[in-house]
Amino acid sequence: MLTSSKLMALEVFLNTATLYRCTENWCLQAGWGKSLHDFDLWYIWGGLGRMTTSGGVIDLYPGRGLWMRPGRIYEATHDPKACLRVTAVHFLLKSKTRLLQPLELIPPVEVFDAAAPAYFEAAMSHVVELYSRHKAPDAAALLFKSLLFELVAQGGTKTPASELQHHYKLALNPVIALIRENPGRRFTIGELAARTGYSSDHFARLFRAATGQSPKEFMIGQRMERACALLKDSSHTVTQIADLLGYPDLGFFSRQFKEQMGTSPDRFRRRGVAQEAAHEYSI
């Protein structure tokens, strides 16, 4: 069993770090596990699905993760109306002298629910950013190793969620996925609550307990996340981005962006372009 002390003495070697948006006809077919030759850590940040593992059938939803290894069964499908969104990192662990084979180490947890979902999602996303976009595998590996420490610690203390907690989570996950996939829509609390069958007040309390944010704060956060991605990776003007995200006018979008991100959309974009140019020059 992999412990914190054992992990401390090892280095993390990343093979790939990728963000996947699964298509409607996606599935993980029988035998996929046999082709696995390293560890594969999944973190689900959108969509709904179900997986058959060696330990039984599990639900897949935002906030859930899997530490997969060779020799195990992994077969999965998802809801084509709520396609899975997954951050996946293939990795190995290395001693001072060699890369260790996955069969030499047993992870302390195979299926987990992140203790701090917002942090875990952001950290996994940044691992991909460092590895793929900025070509900084060493920095990505160090950040990823900190997440492994969290999972090792969690594996030794985790207690099963109650049936009531599980029921609430399954009720809220489709709503959370809906917001993530449609950051420009202006959902009302009543509209979201109606999808769960709870009253608006009860829904708001459950939502905060599940995400650490109110529904309004969560929706704004998703708009800001999409805005940042569009500013970095698209040619849309700031006005077009504001319109895509459902803002009634550019001024309101700019004010909210600065409140949340600490800078204006234009400066955020210029800073991203400058960083990319500096990175290319250093290569």
C-alpha atoms as a PDB file:
ATOM      1  CA  MET A   1       0.000   0.000   0.000  1.00  0.00           C
ATOM      2  CA  LEU A   2       1.295   3.439  -0.918  1.00  0.00           C
ATOM      3  CA  THR A   3       1.695   5.605   2.192  1.00  0.00           C
ATOM      4  CA  SER A   4       2.633   9.257   2.679  1.00  0.00           C
ATOM      5  CA  SER A   5       6.142   8.312   3.799  1.00  0.00           C
ATOM      6  CA  LYS A   6       6.653   6.115   0.723  1.00  0.00           C
ATOM      7  CA  LEU A   7       5.295   8.821  -1.576  1.00  0.00           C
ATOM      8  CA  MET A   8       7.616  11.390  -0.006  1.00  0.00           C
ATOM      9  CA  ALA A   9      10.642   9.386  -1.192  1.00  0.00           C
ATOM     10  CA  LEU A  10       9.358   9.043  -4.761  1.00  0.00           C
ATOM     11  CA  GLU A  11       9.255  11.347  -7.778  1.00  0.00           C
ATOM     12  CA  VAL A  12       6.231  11.691 -10.050  1.00  0.00           C
ATOM     13  CA  PHE A  13       6.828  11.114 -13.760  1.00  0.00           C
ATOM     14  CA  LEU A  14       3.990  12.385 -15.976  1.00  0.00           C
ATOM     15  CA  ASN A  15       3.268  10.586 -19.238  1.00  0.00           C
ATOM     16  CA  THR A  16       0.285  12.704 -20.337  1.00  0.00           C
ATOM     17  CA  ALA A  17      -2.026  15.309 -18.842  1.00  0.00           C
ATOM     18  CA  THR A  18      -5.192  15.998 -20.817  1.00  0.00           C
ATOM     19  CA  LEU A  19      -8.619  17.571 -20.507  1.00  0.00           C
ATOM     20  CA  TYR A  20     -11.326  15.525 -22.242  1.00  0.00           C
ATOM     21  CA  ARG A  21     -14.790  16.558 -23.396  1.00  0.00           C
ATOM     22  CA  CYS A  22     -16.374  13.218 -24.231  1.00  0.00           C
ATOM     23  CA  THR A  23     -18.608  12.951 -27.293  1.00  0.00           C
ATOM     24  CA  GLU A  24     -22.209  11.693 -27.113  1.00  0.00           C
ATOM     25  CA  ASN A  25     -21.314   8.154 -28.245  1.00  0.00           C
ATOM     26  CA  TRP A  26     -18.343   7.809 -25.865  1.00  0.00           C
ATOM     27  CA  CYS A  27     -17.842   4.666 -23.801  1.00  0.00           C
ATOM     28  CA  LEU A  28     -15.006   2.850 -22.089  1.00  0.00           C
ATOM     29  CA  GLN A  29     -15.125  -0.617 -23.544  1.00  0.00           C
ATOM     30  CA  ALA A  30     -14.441  -3.944 -21.873  1.00  0.00           C
ATOM     31  CA  GLY A  31     -10.735  -4.706 -21.990  1.00  0.00           C
ATOM     32  CA  TRP A  32      -9.625  -1.075 -21.703  1.00  0.00           C
ATOM     33  CA  GLY A  33      -8.008  -1.848 -18.364  1.00  0.00           C
ATOM     34  CA  LYS A  34      -5.831  -4.494 -19.996  1.00  0.00           C
ATOM     35  CA  SER A  35      -4.239  -1.828 -22.205  1.00  0.00           C
ATOM     36  CA  LEU A  36      -3.361   0.325 -19.194  1.00  0.00           C
ATOM     37  CA  HIS A  37       0.383   0.304 -18.449  1.00  0.00           C
ATOM     38  CA  ASP A  38       0.639   3.138 -15.935  1.00  0.00           C
ATOM     39  CA  PHE A  39      -1.513   4.878 -13.338  1.00  0.00           C
ATOM     40  CA  ASP A  40      -4.370   6.952 -14.735  1.00  0.00           C
ATOM     41  CA  LEU A  41      -5.956   9.519 -12.413  1.00  0.00           C
ATOM     42  CA  TRP A  42      -9.341  10.853 -13.522  1.00  0.00           C
ATOM     43  CA  TYR A  43     -11.134  13.847 -12.077  1.00  0.00           C
ATOM     44  CA  ILE A  44     -14.674  14.427 -13.333  1.00  0.00           C
ATOM     45  CA  TRP A  45     -15.696  18.084 -13.601  1.00  0.00           C
ATOM     46  CA  GLY A  46     -18.804  17.770 -15.728  1.00  0.00           C
ATOM     47  CA  GLY A  47     -21.443  15.329 -16.907  1.00  0.00           C
ATOM     48  CA  LEU A  48     -22.899  12.119 -15.534  1.00  0.00           C
ATOM     49  CA  GLY A  49     -22.028   8.479 -16.104  1.00  0.00           C
ATOM     50  CA  ARG A  50     -21.588   5.053 -14.619  1.00  0.00           C
ATOM     51  CA  MET A  51     -18.590   2.740 -14.412  1.00  0.00           C
ATOM     52  CA  THR A  52     -18.147  -0.935 -13.668  1.00  0.00           C
ATOM     53  CA  THR A  53     -14.929  -1.563 -11.744  1.00  0.00           C
ATOM     54  CA  SER A  54     -13.390  -4.617 -10.129  1.00  0.00           C
ATOM     55  CA  GLY A  55     -14.997  -3.410  -6.901  1.00  0.00           C
ATOM     56  CA  GLY A  56     -18.502  -2.945  -8.319  1.00  0.00           C
ATOM     57  CA  VAL A  57     -20.616  -0.347 -10.131  1.00  0.00           C
ATOM     58  CA  ILE A  58     -20.109   3.345  -9.301  1.00  0.00           C
ATOM     59  CA  ASP A  59     -21.716   6.606 -10.399  1.00  0.00           C
ATOM     60  CA  LEU A  60     -19.604   9.220 -12.176  1.00  0.00           C
ATOM     61  CA  TYR A  61     -20.352  12.876 -11.460  1.00  0.00           C
ATOM     62  CA  PRO A  62     -18.568  16.200 -10.884  1.00  0.00           C
ATOM     63  CA  GLY A  63     -16.292  15.971  -7.863  1.00  0.00           C
ATOM     64  CA  ARG A  64     -15.662  12.235  -8.190  1.00  0.00           C
ATOM     65  CA  GLY A  65     -12.294  10.816  -9.174  1.00  0.00           C
ATOM     66  CA  LEU A  66     -10.593   7.494  -9.845  1.00  0.00           C
ATOM     67  CA  TRP A  67      -7.026   6.353  -9.304  1.00  0.00           C
ATOM     68  CA  MET A  68      -6.885   3.559 -11.893  1.00  0.00           C
ATOM     69  CA  ARG A  69      -4.156   0.992 -12.332  1.00  0.00           C
ATOM     70  CA  PRO A  70      -3.352  -1.968 -14.625  1.00  0.00           C
ATOM     71  CA  GLY A  71      -4.989  -5.309 -14.010  1.00  0.00           C
ATOM     72  CA  ARG A  72      -8.345  -3.870 -12.914  1.00  0.00           C
ATOM     73  CA  ILE A  73     -11.719  -3.720 -14.662  1.00  0.00           C
ATOM     74  CA  TYR A  74     -12.907  -0.331 -15.931  1.00  0.00           C
ATOM     75  CA  GLU A  75     -15.955  -0.159 -18.225  1.00  0.00           C
ATOM     76  CA  ALA A  76     -17.990   3.031 -18.480  1.00  0.00           C
ATOM     77  CA  THR A  77     -20.836   4.809 -20.257  1.00  0.00           C
ATOM     78  CA  HIS A  78     -22.351   8.249 -19.791  1.00  0.00           C
ATOM     79  CA  ASP A  79     -25.541  10.187 -20.307  1.00  0.00           C
ATOM     80  CA  PRO A  80     -25.396  11.600 -23.880  1.00  0.00           C
ATOM     81  CA  LYS A  81     -27.427  14.571 -22.632  1.00  0.00           C
ATOM     82  CA  ALA A  82     -24.804  15.235 -19.932  1.00  0.00           C
ATOM     83  CA  CYS A  83     -21.524  14.173 -21.552  1.00  0.00           C
ATOM     84  CA  LEU A  84     -18.637  13.531 -19.207  1.00  0.00           C
ATOM     85  CA  ARG A  85     -15.902  16.132 -18.826  1.00  0.00           C
ATOM     86  CA  VAL A  86     -12.713  14.620 -17.416  1.00  0.00           C
ATOM     87  CA  THR A  87      -9.205  15.718 -16.550  1.00  0.00           C
ATOM     88  CA  ALA A  88      -6.916  12.682 -16.889  1.00  0.00           C
ATOM     89  CA  VAL A  89      -3.267  12.309 -15.913  1.00  0.00           C
ATOM     90  CA  HIS A  90      -1.222   9.229 -16.822  1.00  0.00           C
ATOM     91  CA  PHE A  91       1.777   8.868 -14.545  1.00  0.00           C
ATOM     92  CA  LEU A  92       4.365   6.621 -12.942  1.00  0.00           C
ATOM     93  CA  LEU A  93       6.292   6.874  -9.705  1.00  0.00           C
ATOM     94  CA  LYS A  94      10.070   6.823  -9.675  1.00  0.00           C
ATOM     95  CA  SER A  95      12.553   5.837  -7.000  1.00  0.00           C
ATOM     96  CA  LYS A  96      16.096   7.230  -6.943  1.00  0.00           C
ATOM     97  CA  THR A  97      17.191   4.531  -9.370  1.00  0.00           C
ATOM     98  CA  ARG A  98      14.243   3.514 -11.565  1.00  0.00           C
ATOM     99  CA  LEU A  99      10.643   3.894 -12.643  1.00  0.00           C
ATOM    100  CA  LEU A 100       8.449   1.630 -10.547  1.00  0.00           C
ATOM    101  CA  GLN A 101       5.884  -0.591 -12.195  1.00  0.00           C
ATOM    102  CA  PRO A 102       2.285   0.175 -11.124  1.00  0.00           C
ATOM    103  CA  LEU A 103       1.851  -3.394  -9.872  1.00  0.00           C
ATOM    104  CA  GLU A 104       4.566  -2.714  -7.285  1.00  0.00           C
ATOM    105  CA  LEU A 105       2.388  -0.086  -5.558  1.00  0.00           C
ATOM    106  CA  ILE A 106      -1.235  -0.283  -4.491  1.00  0.00           C
ATOM    107  CA  PRO A 107      -2.959   3.128  -4.281  1.00  0.00           C
ATOM    108  CA  PRO A 108      -4.729   3.697  -0.946  1.00  0.00           C
ATOM    109  CA  VAL A 109      -7.937   4.665  -2.743  1.00  0.00           C
ATOM    110  CA  GLU A 110      -9.385   3.757  -6.150  1.00  0.00           C
ATOM    111  CA  VAL A 111     -12.607   5.791  -6.131  1.00  0.00           C
ATOM    112  CA  PHE A 112     -12.804   9.084  -4.254  1.00  0.00           C
ATOM    113  CA  ASP A 113     -14.846  12.224  -3.788  1.00  0.00           C
ATOM    114  CA  ALA A 114     -12.625  15.290  -3.525  1.00  0.00           C
ATOM    115  CA  ALA A 115     -12.697  16.880  -0.078  1.00  0.00           C
ATOM    116  CA  ALA A 116     -12.350  20.342  -1.678  1.00  0.00           C
ATOM    117  CA  PRO A 117     -13.815  19.968  -5.191  1.00  0.00           C
ATOM    118  CA  ALA A 118     -13.200  23.548  -6.371  1.00  0.00           C
ATOM    119  CA  TYR A 119      -9.520  23.376  -5.379  1.00  0.00           C
ATOM    120  CA  PHE A 120      -8.978  19.883  -6.768  1.00  0.00           C
ATOM    121  CA  GLU A 121     -10.569  20.799 -10.094  1.00  0.00           C
ATOM    122  CA  ALA A 122      -8.526  23.997 -10.408  1.00  0.00           C
ATOM    123  CA  ALA A 123      -5.288  22.208  -9.478  1.00  0.00           C
ATOM    124  CA  MET A 124      -5.879  19.391 -11.973  1.00  0.00           C
ATOM    125  CA  SER A 125      -6.652  21.946 -14.669  1.00  0.00           C
ATOM    126  CA  HIS A 126      -3.431  23.777 -13.858  1.00  0.00           C
ATOM    127  CA  VAL A 127      -1.454  20.533 -14.077  1.00  0.00           C
ATOM    128  CA  VAL A 128      -2.727  20.174 -17.655  1.00  0.00           C
ATOM    129  CA  GLU A 129      -1.938  23.833 -18.341  1.00  0.00           C
ATOM    130  CA  LEU A 130       1.627  23.501 -17.070  1.00  0.00           C
ATOM    131  CA  TYR A 131       2.268  20.205 -18.831  1.00  0.00           C
ATOM    132  CA  SER A 132       0.591  20.849 -22.190  1.00  0.00           C
ATOM    133  CA  ARG A 133       0.495  24.596 -22.716  1.00  0.00           C
ATOM    134  CA  HIS A 134       3.582  25.846 -20.903  1.00  0.00           C
ATOM    135  CA  LYS A 135       5.732  22.728 -21.432  1.00  0.00           C
ATOM    136  CA  ALA A 136       6.748  22.680 -17.768  1.00  0.00           C
ATOM    137  CA  PRO A 137       6.536  18.986 -16.801  1.00  0.00           C
ATOM    138  CA  ASP A 138       8.596  19.375 -13.625  1.00  0.00           C
ATOM    139  CA  ALA A 139       6.292  22.077 -12.242  1.00  0.00           C
ATOM    140  CA  ALA A 140       3.251  20.049 -13.306  1.00  0.00           C
ATOM    141  CA  ALA A 141       4.650  16.937 -11.578  1.00  0.00           C
ATOM    142  CA  LEU A 142       5.252  18.799  -8.308  1.00  0.00           C
ATOM    143  CA  LEU A 143       1.720  20.196  -8.251  1.00  0.00           C
ATOM    144  CA  PHE A 144       0.298  16.788  -9.127  1.00  0.00           C
ATOM    145  CA  LYS A 145       2.323  15.142  -6.364  1.00  0.00           C
ATOM    146  CA  SER A 146       0.677  17.475  -3.831  1.00  0.00           C
ATOM    147  CA  LEU A 147      -2.705  16.177  -5.002  1.00  0.00           C
ATOM    148  CA  LEU A 148      -1.518  12.596  -4.574  1.00  0.00           C
ATOM    149  CA  PHE A 149      -0.522  13.403  -0.990  1.00  0.00           C
ATOM    150  CA  GLU A 150      -4.074  14.607  -0.385  1.00  0.00           C
ATOM    151  CA  LEU A 151      -5.506  11.380  -1.775  1.00  0.00           C
ATOM    152  CA  VAL A 152      -3.108   9.214   0.234  1.00  0.00           C
ATOM    153  CA  ALA A 153      -4.152  11.042   3.406  1.00  0.00           C
ATOM    154  CA  GLN A 154      -7.814  10.868   2.444  1.00  0.00           C
ATOM    155  CA  GLY A 155      -7.550   7.147   1.706  1.00  0.00           C
ATOM    156  CA  GLY A 156      -6.630   6.446   5.310  1.00  0.00           C
ATOM    157  CA  THR A 157      -9.430   8.472   6.864  1.00  0.00           C
ATOM    158  CA  LYS A 158     -12.310   8.358   4.403  1.00  0.00           C
ATOM    159  CA  THR A 159     -15.672   7.226   5.728  1.00  0.00           C
ATOM    160  CA  PRO A 160     -18.521   6.235   3.413  1.00  0.00           C
ATOM    161  CA  ALA A 161     -21.096   8.926   2.709  1.00  0.00           C
ATOM    162  CA  SER A 162     -24.518   8.315   4.173  1.00  0.00           C
ATOM    163  CA  GLU A 163     -27.351   7.269   1.874  1.00  0.00           C
ATOM    164  CA  LEU A 164     -28.992  10.658   2.444  1.00  0.00           C
ATOM    165  CA  GLN A 165     -25.808  12.519   1.429  1.00  0.00           C
ATOM    166  CA  HIS A 166     -25.532  10.315  -1.646  1.00  0.00           C
ATOM    167  CA  HIS A 167     -29.151  11.083  -2.550  1.00  0.00           C
ATOM    168  CA  TYR A 168     -28.539  14.825  -2.283  1.00  0.00           C
ATOM    169  CA  LYS A 169     -25.388  14.568  -4.391  1.00  0.00           C
ATOM    170  CA  LEU A 170     -27.132  12.695  -7.177  1.00  0.00           C
ATOM    171  CA  ALA A 171     -29.938  15.278  -7.170  1.00  0.00           C
ATOM    172  CA  LEU A 172     -27.560  18.246  -7.362  1.00  0.00           C
ATOM    173  CA  ASN A 173     -25.042  16.874  -9.871  1.00  0.00           C
ATOM    174  CA  PRO A 174     -27.251  17.358 -12.973  1.00  0.00           C
ATOM    175  CA  VAL A 175     -27.860  20.975 -11.936  1.00  0.00           C
ATOM    176  CA  ILE A 176     -24.149  21.602 -11.379  1.00  0.00           C
ATOM    177  CA  ALA A 177     -23.364  20.040 -14.759  1.00  0.00           C
ATOM    178  CA  LEU A 178     -26.076  22.168 -16.418  1.00  0.00           C
ATOM    179  CA  ILE A 179     -24.532  25.375 -15.062  1.00  0.00           C
ATOM    180  CA  ARG A 180     -21.029  24.327 -16.089  1.00  0.00           C
ATOM    181  CA  GLU A 181     -22.133  23.546 -19.632  1.00  0.00           C
ATOM    182  CA  ASN A 182     -24.212  26.740 -20.024  1.00  0.00           C
ATOM    183  CA  PRO A 183     -22.342  29.553 -18.229  1.00  0.00           C
ATOM    184  CA  GLY A 184     -24.099  32.207 -20.315  1.00  0.00           C
ATOM    185  CA  ARG A 185     -27.614  31.255 -19.236  1.00  0.00           C
ATOM    186  CA  ARG A 186     -29.224  33.241 -16.438  1.00  0.00           C
ATOM    187  CA  PHE A 187     -30.807  30.508 -14.324  1.00  0.00           C
ATOM    188  CA  THR A 188     -33.034  31.543 -11.436  1.00  0.00           C
ATOM    189  CA  ILE A 189     -32.806  29.765  -8.077  1.00  0.00           C
ATOM    190  CA  GLY A 190     -36.420  28.688  -8.495  1.00  0.00           C
ATOM    191  CA  GLU A 191     -35.704  27.185 -11.911  1.00  0.00           C
ATOM    192  CA  LEU A 192     -32.711  25.221 -10.635  1.00  0.00           C
ATOM    193  CA  ALA A 193     -34.511  24.120  -7.481  1.00  0.00           C
ATOM    194  CA  ALA A 194     -37.440  22.836  -9.546  1.00  0.00           C
ATOM    195  CA  ARG A 195     -35.080  20.467 -11.356  1.00  0.00           C
ATOM    196  CA  THR A 196     -34.223  18.821  -8.027  1.00  0.00           C
ATOM    197  CA  GLY A 197     -37.690  18.795  -6.490  1.00  0.00           C
ATOM    198  CA  TYR A 198     -36.540  20.832  -3.461  1.00  0.00           C
ATOM    199  CA  SER A 199     -37.770  24.204  -2.273  1.00  0.00           C
ATOM    200  CA  SER A 200     -35.612  27.197  -3.246  1.00  0.00           C
ATOM    201  CA  ASP A 201     -34.325  27.685   0.312  1.00  0.00           C
ATOM    202  CA  HIS A 202     -33.496  24.010   0.842  1.00  0.00           C
ATOM    203  CA  PHE A 203     -31.858  23.806  -2.586  1.00  0.00           C
ATOM    204  CA  ALA A 204     -29.678  26.848  -1.827  1.00  0.00           C
ATOM    205  CA  ARG A 205     -28.525  25.311   1.477  1.00  0.00           C
ATOM    206  CA  LEU A 206     -27.691  21.974  -0.163  1.00  0.00           C
ATOM    207  CA  PHE A 207     -25.917  23.690  -3.033  1.00  0.00           C
ATOM    208  CA  ARG A 208     -23.659  25.666  -0.706  1.00  0.00           C
ATOM    209  CA  ALA A 209     -22.899  22.519   1.300  1.00  0.00           C
ATOM    210  CA  ALA A 210     -21.943  20.664  -1.885  1.00  0.00           C
ATOM    211  CA  THR A 211     -19.884  23.378  -3.608  1.00  0.00           C
ATOM    212  CA  GLY A 212     -18.894  25.842  -0.884  1.00  0.00           C
ATOM    213  CA  GLN A 213     -20.637  28.601  -2.840  1.00  0.00           C
ATOM    214  CA  SER A 214     -24.136  29.965  -3.278  1.00  0.00           C
ATOM    215  CA  PRO A 215     -25.766  29.186  -6.648  1.00  0.00           C
ATOM    216  CA  LYS A 216     -25.235  32.819  -7.711  1.00  0.00           C
ATOM    217  CA  GLU A 217     -21.541  32.764  -6.749  1.00  0.00           C
ATOM    218  CA  PHE A 218     -21.076  29.459  -8.565  1.00  0.00           C
ATOM    219  CA  MET A 219     -22.743  30.765 -11.749  1.00  0.00           C
ATOM    220  CA  ILE A 220     -20.568  33.896 -11.739  1.00  0.00           C
ATOM    221  CA  GLY A 221     -17.480  31.740 -11.216  1.00  0.00           C
ATOM    222  CA  GLN A 222     -18.369  29.584 -14.215  1.00  0.00           C
ATOM    223  CA  ARG A 223     -18.852  32.685 -16.382  1.00  0.00           C
ATOM    224  CA  MET A 224     -15.477  34.012 -15.296  1.00  0.00           C
ATOM    225  CA  GLU A 225     -13.797  30.682 -16.008  1.00  0.00           C
ATOM    226  CA  ARG A 226     -15.280  30.586 -19.516  1.00  0.00           C
ATOM    227  CA  ALA A 227     -14.423  34.255 -20.057  1.00  0.00           C
ATOM    228  CA  CYS A 228     -10.783  33.619 -19.151  1.00  0.00           C
ATOM    229  CA  ALA A 229     -10.626  30.676 -21.560  1.00  0.00           C
ATOM    230  CA  LEU A 230     -12.137  32.744 -24.382  1.00  0.00           C
ATOM    231  CA  LEU A 231      -9.810  35.676 -23.715  1.00  0.00           C
ATOM    232  CA  LYS A 232      -6.788  33.371 -23.845  1.00  0.00           C
ATOM    233  CA  ASP A 233      -7.718  31.028 -26.654  1.00  0.00           C
ATOM    234  CA  SER A 234     -10.214  32.766 -28.975  1.00  0.00           C
ATOM    235  CA  SER A 235     -10.164  35.739 -31.330  1.00  0.00           C
ATOM    236  CA  HIS A 236     -13.503  37.060 -30.050  1.00  0.00           C
ATOM    237  CA  THR A 237     -13.551  40.687 -28.994  1.00  0.00           C
ATOM    238  CA  VAL A 238     -14.291  41.499 -25.361  1.00  0.00           C
ATOM    239  CA  THR A 239     -17.727  42.755 -26.449  1.00  0.00           C
ATOM    240  CA  GLN A 240     -18.447  39.454 -28.214  1.00  0.00           C
ATOM    241  CA  ILE A 241     -17.347  37.467 -25.160  1.00  0.00           C
ATOM    242  CA  ALA A 242     -19.633  39.532 -22.924  1.00  0.00           C
ATOM    243  CA  ASP A 243     -22.510  38.826 -25.314  1.00  0.00           C
ATOM    244  CA  LEU A 244     -21.736  35.087 -25.462  1.00  0.00           C
ATOM    245  CA  LEU A 245     -21.856  34.934 -21.667  1.00  0.00           C
ATOM    246  CA  GLY A 246     -25.212  36.692 -21.459  1.00  0.00           C
ATOM    247  CA  TYR A 247     -24.124  40.069 -20.108  1.00  0.00           C
ATOM    248  CA  PRO A 248     -26.537  42.910 -20.928  1.00  0.00           C
ATOM    249  CA  ASP A 249     -23.704  45.363 -21.639  1.00  0.00           C
ATOM    250  CA  LEU A 250     -19.933  45.512 -21.842  1.00  0.00           C
ATOM    251  CA  GLY A 251     -19.572  47.797 -18.818  1.00  0.00           C
ATOM    252  CA  PHE A 252     -21.305  45.332 -16.471  1.00  0.00           C
ATOM    253  CA  PHE A 253     -19.159  42.456 -17.758  1.00  0.00           C
ATOM    254  CA  SER A 254     -15.934  44.462 -17.364  1.00  0.00           C
ATOM    255  CA  ARG A 255     -16.809  45.544 -13.817  1.00  0.00           C
ATOM    256  CA  GLN A 256     -17.684  42.016 -12.709  1.00  0.00           C
ATOM    257  CA  PHE A 257     -14.597  40.563 -14.390  1.00  0.00           C
ATOM    258  CA  LYS A 258     -12.339  43.040 -12.580  1.00  0.00           C
ATOM    259  CA  GLU A 259     -14.073  42.342  -9.242  1.00  0.00           C
ATOM    260  CA  GLN A 260     -13.543  38.617  -9.658  1.00  0.00           C
ATOM    261  CA  MET A 261     -10.172  38.485 -11.431  1.00  0.00           C
ATOM    262  CA  GLY A 262      -8.455  41.620 -10.163  1.00  0.00           C
ATOM    263  CA  THR A 263      -7.827  43.067 -13.616  1.00  0.00           C
ATOM    264  CA  SER A 264      -9.756  44.181 -16.681  1.00  0.00           C
ATOM    265  CA  PRO A 265     -10.544  41.777 -19.555  1.00  0.00           C
ATOM    266  CA  ASP A 266      -8.239  43.716 -21.898  1.00  0.00           C
ATOM    267  CA  ARG A 267      -5.322  43.598 -19.474  1.00  0.00           C
ATOM    268  CA  PHE A 268      -5.952  39.906 -18.779  1.00  0.00           C
ATOM    269  CA  ARG A 269      -5.758  39.193 -22.517  1.00  0.00           C
ATOM    270  CA  ARG A 270      -2.633  41.328 -23.028  1.00  0.00           C
ATOM    271  CA  ARG A 271      -0.949  39.632 -20.087  1.00  0.00           C
ATOM    272  CA  GLY A 272      -1.709  36.202 -21.533  1.00  0.00           C
ATOM    273  CA  VAL A 273      -0.333  37.195 -24.947  1.00  0.00           C
ATOM    274  CA  ALA A 274       2.815  38.611 -23.335  1.00  0.00           C
ATOM    275  CA  GLN A 275       3.375  35.443 -21.284  1.00  0.00           C
ATOM    276  CA  GLU A 276       2.926  33.267 -24.357  1.00  0.00           C
ATOM    277  CA  ALA A 277       5.376  35.404 -26.334  1.00  0.00           C
ATOM    278  CA  ALA A 278       7.927  35.262 -23.529  1.00  0.00           C
ATOM    279  CA  HIS A 279       7.548  31.493 -23.338  1.00  0.00           C
ATOM    280  CA  GLU A 280       8.082  31.099 -27.096  1.00  0.00           C
ATOM    281  CA  TYR A 281      11.118  33.385 -26.976  1.00  0.00           C
ATOM    282  CA  SER A 282      12.690  31.362 -24.148  1.00  0.00           C
ATOM    283  CA  ILE A 283      12.380  28.187 -26.217  1.00  0.00           C
END
